[in-house]
Amino acid sequence: MEDVAAVTARERPDVALVGLSESSEHALQLVEKIVHEAACPVNALIHAPDPDFVKEASKRGLFAYSIDIVLRRFTEYHDLECAFGRRAVTERANGILMERHSIDEPTAFEMLREHARPTNRKLVDAASAVVDGHRLLPKQPRSPAPTHGAGGSS
């Protein structure tokens, strides 16, 4: 343990990592020694949540522990991945509606929203239905409705 203190004091690392193995007391002593000897944050690497260890280590100067950060980052990544997936489905549904109904993107998006709203469905669920069932939509784009000139009847 004396070596750890001397090495961290000499090397001046940006961060020190302490792994929690069989002895949490040994890890706690390392945290305390490194914090005292080196001017860097100490991060504990633990394999499973251990609130008692984290509480005691934080009293001794522990800066962070990795399980929490890893779980938080994974959750953020997963949420982002899901958001990209939802967006891709919605964009694909918009494209199908635009092609099949000869409409622009805002109109296609509004069509999806108007379909989802009365059925109390999420927009992505309505988009998935379009993507999954696009073979049920008209094969040829619809001809635009004729417009009548101003001034009344034809």
N, C-alpha and C. Protein backbone atom coordinates (compact mmCIF):
# COMPACT_ATOMS: atom_id res chain seq x y z
N MET A 1 0.82 -1.19 0.00
CA MET A 1 0.00 0.00 0.00
C MET A 1 0.86 1.25 0.00
N GLU A 2 2.01 1.20 0.63
CA GLU A 2 2.91 2.35 0.63
C GLU A 2 3.34 2.67 -0.79
N ASP A 3 3.53 1.64 -1.63
CA ASP A 3 3.92 1.86 -3.02
C ASP A 3 2.88 2.67 -3.77
N VAL A 4 1.60 2.38 -3.53
CA VAL A 4 0.53 3.09 -4.23
C VAL A 4 0.59 4.57 -3.93
N ALA A 5 0.74 4.92 -2.69
CA ALA A 5 0.82 6.33 -2.31
C ALA A 5 2.02 7.00 -2.97
N ALA A 6 3.17 6.34 -2.93
CA ALA A 6 4.38 6.92 -3.52
C ALA A 6 4.25 7.07 -5.03
N VAL A 7 3.69 6.06 -5.69
CA VAL A 7 3.54 6.10 -7.15
C VAL A 7 2.58 7.21 -7.56
N THR A 8 1.43 7.31 -6.89
CA THR A 8 0.47 8.36 -7.26
C THR A 8 1.04 9.76 -6.98
N ALA A 9 1.81 9.90 -5.91
CA ALA A 9 2.43 11.20 -5.62
C ALA A 9 3.47 11.54 -6.67
N ARG A 10 4.23 10.54 -7.11
CA ARG A 10 5.29 10.77 -8.10
C ARG A 10 4.73 10.97 -9.50
N GLU A 11 3.78 10.13 -9.90
CA GLU A 11 3.26 10.14 -11.28
C GLU A 11 2.20 11.21 -11.52
N ARG A 12 1.55 11.64 -10.48
CA ARG A 12 0.49 12.65 -10.59
C ARG A 12 -0.53 12.33 -11.68
N PRO A 13 -1.25 11.24 -11.53
CA PRO A 13 -2.23 10.85 -12.56
C PRO A 13 -3.41 11.83 -12.59
N ASP A 14 -4.10 11.85 -13.73
CA ASP A 14 -5.30 12.68 -13.86
C ASP A 14 -6.46 12.10 -13.06
N VAL A 15 -6.46 10.78 -12.96
CA VAL A 15 -7.49 10.09 -12.19
C VAL A 15 -6.89 8.78 -11.69
N ALA A 16 -7.33 8.34 -10.52
CA ALA A 16 -6.88 7.05 -9.99
C ALA A 16 -8.08 6.12 -9.92
N LEU A 17 -7.87 4.89 -10.34
CA LEU A 17 -8.92 3.87 -10.31
C LEU A 17 -8.57 2.83 -9.26
N VAL A 18 -9.53 2.56 -8.39
CA VAL A 18 -9.35 1.55 -7.36
C VAL A 18 -10.40 0.48 -7.59
N GLY A 19 -9.95 -0.75 -7.77
CA GLY A 19 -10.86 -1.87 -7.98
C GLY A 19 -11.27 -2.48 -6.66
N LEU A 20 -12.52 -2.81 -6.52
CA LEU A 20 -13.04 -3.45 -5.31
C LEU A 20 -12.99 -4.95 -5.53
N SER A 21 -12.13 -5.61 -4.76
CA SER A 21 -12.04 -7.07 -4.87
C SER A 21 -12.65 -7.69 -3.62
N GLU A 22 -11.99 -8.70 -3.07
CA GLU A 22 -12.55 -9.39 -1.90
C GLU A 22 -12.63 -8.50 -0.67
N SER A 23 -11.65 -7.62 -0.48
CA SER A 23 -11.59 -6.83 0.74
C SER A 23 -11.98 -5.38 0.49
N SER A 24 -13.16 -5.01 0.93
CA SER A 24 -13.56 -3.62 0.77
C SER A 24 -12.74 -2.72 1.68
N GLU A 25 -12.29 -3.25 2.80
CA GLU A 25 -11.47 -2.46 3.72
C GLU A 25 -10.15 -2.07 3.05
N HIS A 26 -9.55 -2.99 2.33
CA HIS A 26 -8.30 -2.69 1.61
C HIS A 26 -8.55 -1.60 0.57
N ALA A 27 -9.64 -1.72 -0.17
CA ALA A 27 -9.98 -0.70 -1.18
C ALA A 27 -10.20 0.65 -0.52
N LEU A 28 -10.87 0.66 0.64
CA LEU A 28 -11.10 1.92 1.35
C LEU A 28 -9.78 2.55 1.80
N GLN A 29 -8.86 1.73 2.25
CA GLN A 29 -7.55 2.24 2.66
C GLN A 29 -6.80 2.83 1.46
N LEU A 30 -6.91 2.16 0.31
CA LEU A 30 -6.27 2.68 -0.90
C LEU A 30 -6.86 4.03 -1.30
N VAL A 31 -8.19 4.12 -1.28
CA VAL A 31 -8.85 5.38 -1.62
C VAL A 31 -8.32 6.49 -0.73
N GLU A 32 -8.33 6.23 0.56
CA GLU A 32 -7.89 7.25 1.52
C GLU A 32 -6.44 7.66 1.29
N LYS A 33 -5.57 6.69 1.07
CA LYS A 33 -4.15 6.95 0.88
C LYS A 33 -3.91 7.75 -0.42
N ILE A 34 -4.58 7.34 -1.49
CA ILE A 34 -4.40 8.03 -2.77
C ILE A 34 -4.92 9.46 -2.69
N VAL A 35 -6.08 9.64 -2.08
CA VAL A 35 -6.65 10.98 -1.94
C VAL A 35 -5.70 11.87 -1.15
N HIS A 36 -5.11 11.30 -0.12
CA HIS A 36 -4.20 12.07 0.73
C HIS A 36 -2.90 12.41 0.00
N GLU A 37 -2.38 11.50 -0.79
CA GLU A 37 -1.06 11.67 -1.41
C GLU A 37 -1.11 12.30 -2.80
N ALA A 38 -2.19 12.15 -3.51
CA ALA A 38 -2.25 12.64 -4.89
C ALA A 38 -3.39 13.64 -5.03
N ALA A 39 -3.19 14.63 -5.86
CA ALA A 39 -4.23 15.63 -6.09
C ALA A 39 -5.01 15.27 -7.35
N CYS A 40 -5.74 14.14 -7.28
CA CYS A 40 -6.55 13.72 -8.42
C CYS A 40 -7.80 13.02 -7.90
N PRO A 41 -8.83 12.98 -8.70
CA PRO A 41 -10.03 12.27 -8.27
C PRO A 41 -9.79 10.76 -8.26
N VAL A 42 -10.44 10.09 -7.33
CA VAL A 42 -10.33 8.64 -7.22
C VAL A 42 -11.68 8.05 -7.57
N ASN A 43 -11.65 7.09 -8.48
CA ASN A 43 -12.86 6.43 -8.96
C ASN A 43 -12.78 4.95 -8.59
N ALA A 44 -13.83 4.42 -7.99
CA ALA A 44 -13.85 2.99 -7.64
C ALA A 44 -14.53 2.21 -8.75
N LEU A 45 -13.96 1.09 -9.09
CA LEU A 45 -14.55 0.18 -10.06
C LEU A 45 -15.20 -0.96 -9.29
N ILE A 46 -16.51 -1.00 -9.31
CA ILE A 46 -17.22 -2.06 -8.58
C ILE A 46 -18.11 -2.81 -9.55
N HIS A 47 -18.33 -4.09 -9.27
CA HIS A 47 -19.08 -4.95 -10.19
C HIS A 47 -20.58 -4.94 -9.93
N ALA A 48 -20.97 -4.55 -8.75
CA ALA A 48 -22.39 -4.52 -8.40
C ALA A 48 -22.62 -3.37 -7.43
N PRO A 49 -23.81 -2.83 -7.40
CA PRO A 49 -24.08 -1.73 -6.46
C PRO A 49 -23.76 -2.16 -5.03
N ASP A 50 -23.05 -1.30 -4.32
CA ASP A 50 -22.67 -1.56 -2.93
C ASP A 50 -22.76 -0.23 -2.18
N PRO A 51 -23.98 0.15 -1.78
CA PRO A 51 -24.18 1.47 -1.15
C PRO A 51 -23.33 1.69 0.10
N ASP A 52 -23.11 0.65 0.90
CA ASP A 52 -22.31 0.81 2.12
C ASP A 52 -20.86 1.17 1.77
N PHE A 53 -20.30 0.47 0.79
CA PHE A 53 -18.93 0.76 0.38
C PHE A 53 -18.85 2.18 -0.19
N VAL A 54 -19.78 2.54 -1.05
CA VAL A 54 -19.76 3.86 -1.68
C VAL A 54 -19.87 4.95 -0.63
N LYS A 55 -20.75 4.76 0.35
CA LYS A 55 -20.91 5.76 1.41
C LYS A 55 -19.61 5.93 2.19
N GLU A 56 -19.01 4.82 2.60
CA GLU A 56 -17.76 4.88 3.37
C GLU A 56 -16.62 5.44 2.52
N ALA A 57 -16.54 5.03 1.25
CA ALA A 57 -15.47 5.51 0.38
C ALA A 57 -15.62 7.00 0.10
N SER A 58 -16.85 7.47 -0.02
CA SER A 58 -17.06 8.90 -0.28
C SER A 58 -16.61 9.73 0.92
N LYS A 59 -16.76 9.18 2.12
CA LYS A 59 -16.26 9.88 3.32
C LYS A 59 -14.75 10.02 3.26
N ARG A 60 -14.10 9.08 2.60
CA ARG A 60 -12.63 9.08 2.52
C ARG A 60 -12.11 9.79 1.27
N GLY A 61 -13.01 10.34 0.46
CA GLY A 61 -12.59 11.14 -0.69
C GLY A 61 -12.88 10.56 -2.05
N LEU A 62 -13.62 9.46 -2.11
CA LEU A 62 -13.96 8.87 -3.41
C LEU A 62 -14.72 9.89 -4.24
N PHE A 63 -14.32 10.03 -5.47
CA PHE A 63 -14.94 11.01 -6.37
C PHE A 63 -16.17 10.43 -7.07
N ALA A 64 -16.08 9.19 -7.53
CA ALA A 64 -17.18 8.55 -8.26
C ALA A 64 -16.99 7.05 -8.22
N TYR A 65 -18.03 6.35 -8.60
CA TYR A 65 -17.88 4.92 -8.78
C TYR A 65 -18.52 4.54 -10.09
N SER A 66 -17.91 3.62 -10.79
CA SER A 66 -18.21 3.38 -12.19
C SER A 66 -19.52 2.68 -12.47
N ILE A 67 -20.02 1.87 -11.60
CA ILE A 67 -21.26 1.16 -11.91
C ILE A 67 -22.39 2.16 -12.16
N ASP A 68 -22.45 3.20 -11.35
CA ASP A 68 -23.49 4.21 -11.50
C ASP A 68 -23.35 4.93 -12.84
N ILE A 69 -22.14 5.33 -13.17
CA ILE A 69 -21.90 6.04 -14.42
C ILE A 69 -22.19 5.15 -15.61
N VAL A 70 -21.73 3.91 -15.54
CA VAL A 70 -21.97 2.97 -16.64
C VAL A 70 -23.46 2.75 -16.84
N LEU A 71 -24.18 2.52 -15.76
CA LEU A 71 -25.62 2.30 -15.90
C LEU A 71 -26.32 3.54 -16.45
N ARG A 72 -25.92 4.72 -15.99
CA ARG A 72 -26.53 5.95 -16.48
C ARG A 72 -26.24 6.15 -17.96
N ARG A 73 -24.99 5.93 -18.36
CA ARG A 73 -24.62 6.10 -19.77
C ARG A 73 -25.33 5.08 -20.65
N PHE A 74 -25.44 3.84 -20.16
CA PHE A 74 -26.15 2.82 -20.93
C PHE A 74 -27.61 3.20 -21.11
N THR A 75 -28.23 3.71 -20.07
CA THR A 75 -29.63 4.15 -20.16
C THR A 75 -29.76 5.28 -21.17
N GLU A 76 -28.84 6.25 -21.11
CA GLU A 76 -28.87 7.36 -22.07
C GLU A 76 -28.70 6.85 -23.50
N TYR A 77 -27.75 5.93 -23.69
CA TYR A 77 -27.51 5.35 -25.00
C TYR A 77 -28.75 4.61 -25.50
N HIS A 78 -29.33 3.80 -24.63
CA HIS A 78 -30.52 3.03 -25.01
C HIS A 78 -31.67 3.96 -25.38
N ASP A 79 -31.89 5.02 -24.58
CA ASP A 79 -32.95 5.98 -24.88
C ASP A 79 -32.72 6.67 -26.22
N LEU A 80 -31.47 7.03 -26.48
CA LEU A 80 -31.12 7.68 -27.74
C LEU A 80 -31.33 6.73 -28.91
N GLU A 81 -30.90 5.49 -28.74
CA GLU A 81 -31.08 4.48 -29.79
C GLU A 81 -32.57 4.29 -30.10
N CYS A 82 -33.40 4.24 -29.07
CA CYS A 82 -34.85 4.10 -29.26
C CYS A 82 -35.42 5.32 -29.98
N ALA A 83 -34.96 6.51 -29.60
CA ALA A 83 -35.45 7.72 -30.25
C ALA A 83 -35.11 7.72 -31.74
N PHE A 84 -33.87 7.31 -32.08
CA PHE A 84 -33.49 7.23 -33.48
C PHE A 84 -34.34 6.21 -34.22
N GLY A 85 -34.63 5.10 -33.58
CA GLY A 85 -35.47 4.07 -34.18
C GLY A 85 -36.88 4.59 -34.45
N ARG A 86 -37.44 5.31 -33.46
CA ARG A 86 -38.79 5.88 -33.65
C ARG A 86 -38.79 6.89 -34.79
N ARG A 87 -37.74 7.70 -34.83
CA ARG A 87 -37.68 8.71 -35.89
C ARG A 87 -37.56 8.05 -37.26
N ALA A 88 -36.77 7.00 -37.35
CA ALA A 88 -36.61 6.31 -38.63
C ALA A 88 -37.93 5.72 -39.11
N VAL A 89 -38.69 5.13 -38.21
CA VAL A 89 -40.00 4.56 -38.58
C VAL A 89 -40.93 5.67 -39.03
N THR A 90 -40.94 6.78 -38.32
CA THR A 90 -41.81 7.90 -38.68
C THR A 90 -41.42 8.48 -40.04
N GLU A 91 -40.12 8.63 -40.27
CA GLU A 91 -39.66 9.15 -41.57
C GLU A 91 -40.02 8.20 -42.71
N ARG A 92 -39.89 6.92 -42.46
CA ARG A 92 -40.24 5.94 -43.49
C ARG A 92 -41.73 5.98 -43.80
N ALA A 93 -42.55 6.07 -42.74
CA ALA A 93 -44.00 6.17 -42.94
C ALA A 93 -44.35 7.44 -43.70
N ASN A 94 -43.70 8.55 -43.35
CA ASN A 94 -43.93 9.80 -44.09
C ASN A 94 -43.62 9.61 -45.57
N GLY A 95 -42.51 8.98 -45.87
CA GLY A 95 -42.13 8.75 -47.26
C GLY A 95 -43.14 7.90 -48.01
N ILE A 96 -43.63 6.86 -47.35
CA ILE A 96 -44.64 6.00 -47.98
C ILE A 96 -45.91 6.79 -48.26
N LEU A 97 -46.36 7.55 -47.26
CA LEU A 97 -47.59 8.35 -47.45
C LEU A 97 -47.39 9.41 -48.53
N MET A 98 -46.22 10.04 -48.55
CA MET A 98 -45.95 11.05 -49.57
C MET A 98 -46.01 10.44 -50.97
N GLU A 99 -45.41 9.28 -51.13
CA GLU A 99 -45.37 8.63 -52.44
C GLU A 99 -46.76 8.12 -52.84
N ARG A 100 -47.43 7.50 -51.93
CA ARG A 100 -48.72 6.89 -52.25
C ARG A 100 -49.85 7.88 -52.42
N HIS A 101 -49.77 9.02 -51.75
CA HIS A 101 -50.86 10.00 -51.80
C HIS A 101 -50.48 11.30 -52.50
N SER A 102 -49.27 11.35 -53.05
CA SER A 102 -48.79 12.56 -53.74
C SER A 102 -48.97 13.80 -52.85
N ILE A 103 -48.44 13.71 -51.65
CA ILE A 103 -48.54 14.82 -50.71
C ILE A 103 -47.14 15.19 -50.24
N ASP A 104 -47.04 16.36 -49.63
CA ASP A 104 -45.74 16.79 -49.13
C ASP A 104 -45.52 16.25 -47.71
N GLU A 105 -44.30 16.46 -47.19
CA GLU A 105 -43.93 15.90 -45.89
C GLU A 105 -44.78 16.42 -44.74
N PRO A 106 -45.02 17.72 -44.63
CA PRO A 106 -45.86 18.19 -43.52
C PRO A 106 -47.27 17.60 -43.55
N THR A 107 -47.81 17.42 -44.74
CA THR A 107 -49.15 16.85 -44.88
C THR A 107 -49.13 15.37 -44.46
N ALA A 108 -48.09 14.65 -44.85
CA ALA A 108 -47.97 13.25 -44.46
C ALA A 108 -47.85 13.12 -42.95
N PHE A 109 -47.05 13.98 -42.35
CA PHE A 109 -46.89 13.95 -40.90
C PHE A 109 -48.21 14.26 -40.20
N GLU A 110 -48.91 15.24 -40.69
CA GLU A 110 -50.22 15.59 -40.11
C GLU A 110 -51.21 14.45 -40.28
N MET A 111 -51.13 13.75 -41.40
CA MET A 111 -51.99 12.58 -41.63
C MET A 111 -51.73 11.52 -40.56
N LEU A 112 -50.46 11.28 -40.26
CA LEU A 112 -50.10 10.33 -39.19
C LEU A 112 -50.66 10.79 -37.85
N ARG A 113 -50.45 12.06 -37.54
CA ARG A 113 -50.94 12.60 -36.26
C ARG A 113 -52.45 12.48 -36.16
N GLU A 114 -53.14 12.82 -37.24
CA GLU A 114 -54.60 12.78 -37.22
C GLU A 114 -55.12 11.34 -37.10
N HIS A 115 -54.35 10.39 -37.57
CA HIS A 115 -54.74 8.99 -37.43
C HIS A 115 -54.49 8.50 -36.00
N ALA A 116 -53.39 8.93 -35.42
CA ALA A 116 -53.03 8.46 -34.07
C ALA A 116 -53.91 9.09 -32.99
N ARG A 117 -54.23 10.34 -33.14
CA ARG A 117 -54.93 11.08 -32.08
C ARG A 117 -56.26 10.47 -31.67
N PRO A 118 -57.22 10.23 -32.58
CA PRO A 118 -58.52 9.72 -32.13
C PRO A 118 -58.47 8.28 -31.60
N THR A 119 -57.46 7.54 -32.00
CA THR A 119 -57.34 6.15 -31.53
C THR A 119 -56.47 6.06 -30.28
N ASN A 120 -56.01 7.24 -29.80
CA ASN A 120 -55.19 7.29 -28.59
C ASN A 120 -53.92 6.46 -28.72
N ARG A 121 -53.33 6.46 -29.90
CA ARG A 121 -52.11 5.71 -30.15
C ARG A 121 -50.94 6.68 -30.22
N LYS A 122 -49.77 6.17 -29.97
CA LYS A 122 -48.56 6.97 -30.14
C LYS A 122 -48.31 7.14 -31.63
N LEU A 123 -47.68 8.25 -31.97
CA LEU A 123 -47.36 8.53 -33.36
C LEU A 123 -46.52 7.42 -33.97
N VAL A 124 -45.55 6.93 -33.23
CA VAL A 124 -44.67 5.88 -33.76
C VAL A 124 -45.47 4.60 -34.02
N ASP A 125 -46.52 4.34 -33.24
CA ASP A 125 -47.34 3.15 -33.49
C ASP A 125 -48.14 3.31 -34.79
N ALA A 126 -48.65 4.51 -35.02
CA ALA A 126 -49.36 4.76 -36.28
C ALA A 126 -48.39 4.65 -37.46
N ALA A 127 -47.18 5.18 -37.28
CA ALA A 127 -46.16 5.09 -38.33
C ALA A 127 -45.79 3.63 -38.60
N SER A 128 -45.66 2.84 -37.54
CA SER A 128 -45.35 1.41 -37.70
C SER A 128 -46.45 0.71 -38.48
N ALA A 129 -47.70 1.06 -38.21
CA ALA A 129 -48.81 0.46 -38.93
C ALA A 129 -48.73 0.77 -40.42
N VAL A 130 -48.34 2.00 -40.75
CA VAL A 130 -48.19 2.38 -42.17
C VAL A 130 -47.05 1.58 -42.79
N VAL A 131 -45.92 1.53 -42.10
CA VAL A 131 -44.77 0.81 -42.64
C VAL A 131 -45.09 -0.67 -42.79
N ASP A 132 -45.71 -1.26 -41.76
CA ASP A 132 -46.03 -2.68 -41.81
C ASP A 132 -47.12 -3.01 -42.82
N GLY A 133 -48.05 -2.06 -43.01
CA GLY A 133 -49.18 -2.35 -43.90
C GLY A 133 -49.18 -1.54 -45.17
N HIS A 134 -48.02 -1.03 -45.59
CA HIS A 134 -48.01 -0.14 -46.76
C HIS A 134 -48.47 -0.85 -48.03
N ARG A 135 -48.43 -2.16 -48.02
CA ARG A 135 -48.92 -2.87 -49.21
C ARG A 135 -50.43 -2.73 -49.36
N LEU A 136 -51.09 -2.30 -48.30
CA LEU A 136 -52.54 -2.10 -48.34
C LEU A 136 -52.92 -0.73 -48.91
N LEU A 137 -51.94 0.15 -49.00
CA LEU A 137 -52.21 1.49 -49.52
C LEU A 137 -52.28 1.44 -51.05
N PRO A 138 -52.84 2.48 -51.66
CA PRO A 138 -52.94 2.49 -53.13
C PRO A 138 -51.57 2.32 -53.79
N LYS A 139 -51.54 1.53 -54.86
CA LYS A 139 -50.27 1.29 -55.56
C LYS A 139 -49.85 2.49 -56.40
N GLN A 140 -50.79 3.20 -56.94
CA GLN A 140 -50.51 4.37 -57.76
C GLN A 140 -50.81 5.63 -56.95
N PRO A 141 -49.98 6.63 -57.09
CA PRO A 141 -50.29 7.89 -56.41
C PRO A 141 -51.64 8.41 -56.86
N ARG A 142 -52.36 8.96 -55.93
CA ARG A 142 -53.66 9.53 -56.22
C ARG A 142 -53.50 10.78 -57.06
N SER A 143 -54.39 10.97 -58.02
CA SER A 143 -54.36 12.20 -58.80
C SER A 143 -54.81 13.34 -57.91
N PRO A 144 -54.15 14.48 -58.04
CA PRO A 144 -54.58 15.63 -57.22
C PRO A 144 -56.03 15.97 -57.55
N ALA A 145 -56.75 16.37 -56.55
CA ALA A 145 -58.15 16.76 -56.74
C ALA A 145 -58.20 17.99 -57.62
N PRO A 146 -59.14 18.01 -58.60
CA PRO A 146 -59.23 19.19 -59.46
C PRO A 146 -59.62 20.40 -58.63
N THR A 147 -59.05 21.52 -58.99
CA THR A 147 -59.42 22.76 -58.30
C THR A 147 -60.31 23.56 -59.21
N HIS A 148 -61.27 24.20 -58.63
CA HIS A 148 -62.19 25.02 -59.39
C HIS A 148 -61.75 26.47 -59.22
N GLY A 149 -61.88 27.23 -60.28
CA GLY A 149 -61.49 28.63 -60.24
C GLY A 149 -62.39 29.42 -59.31
N ALA A 150 -61.95 30.58 -58.95
CA ALA A 150 -62.74 31.46 -58.07
C ALA A 150 -63.95 31.95 -58.81
N GLY A 151 -64.99 32.22 -58.08
CA GLY A 151 -66.16 32.83 -58.70
C GLY A 151 -67.33 31.89 -58.82
N GLY A 152 -67.27 30.69 -58.28
CA GLY A 152 -68.48 29.90 -58.25
C GLY A 152 -68.41 28.63 -59.03
N SER A 153 -69.53 28.26 -59.67
CA SER A 153 -69.67 26.94 -60.30
C SER A 153 -69.05 26.90 -61.67
N SER A 154 -68.83 25.66 -62.15
CA SER A 154 -68.22 25.48 -63.45
C SER A 154 -69.27 25.26 -64.49
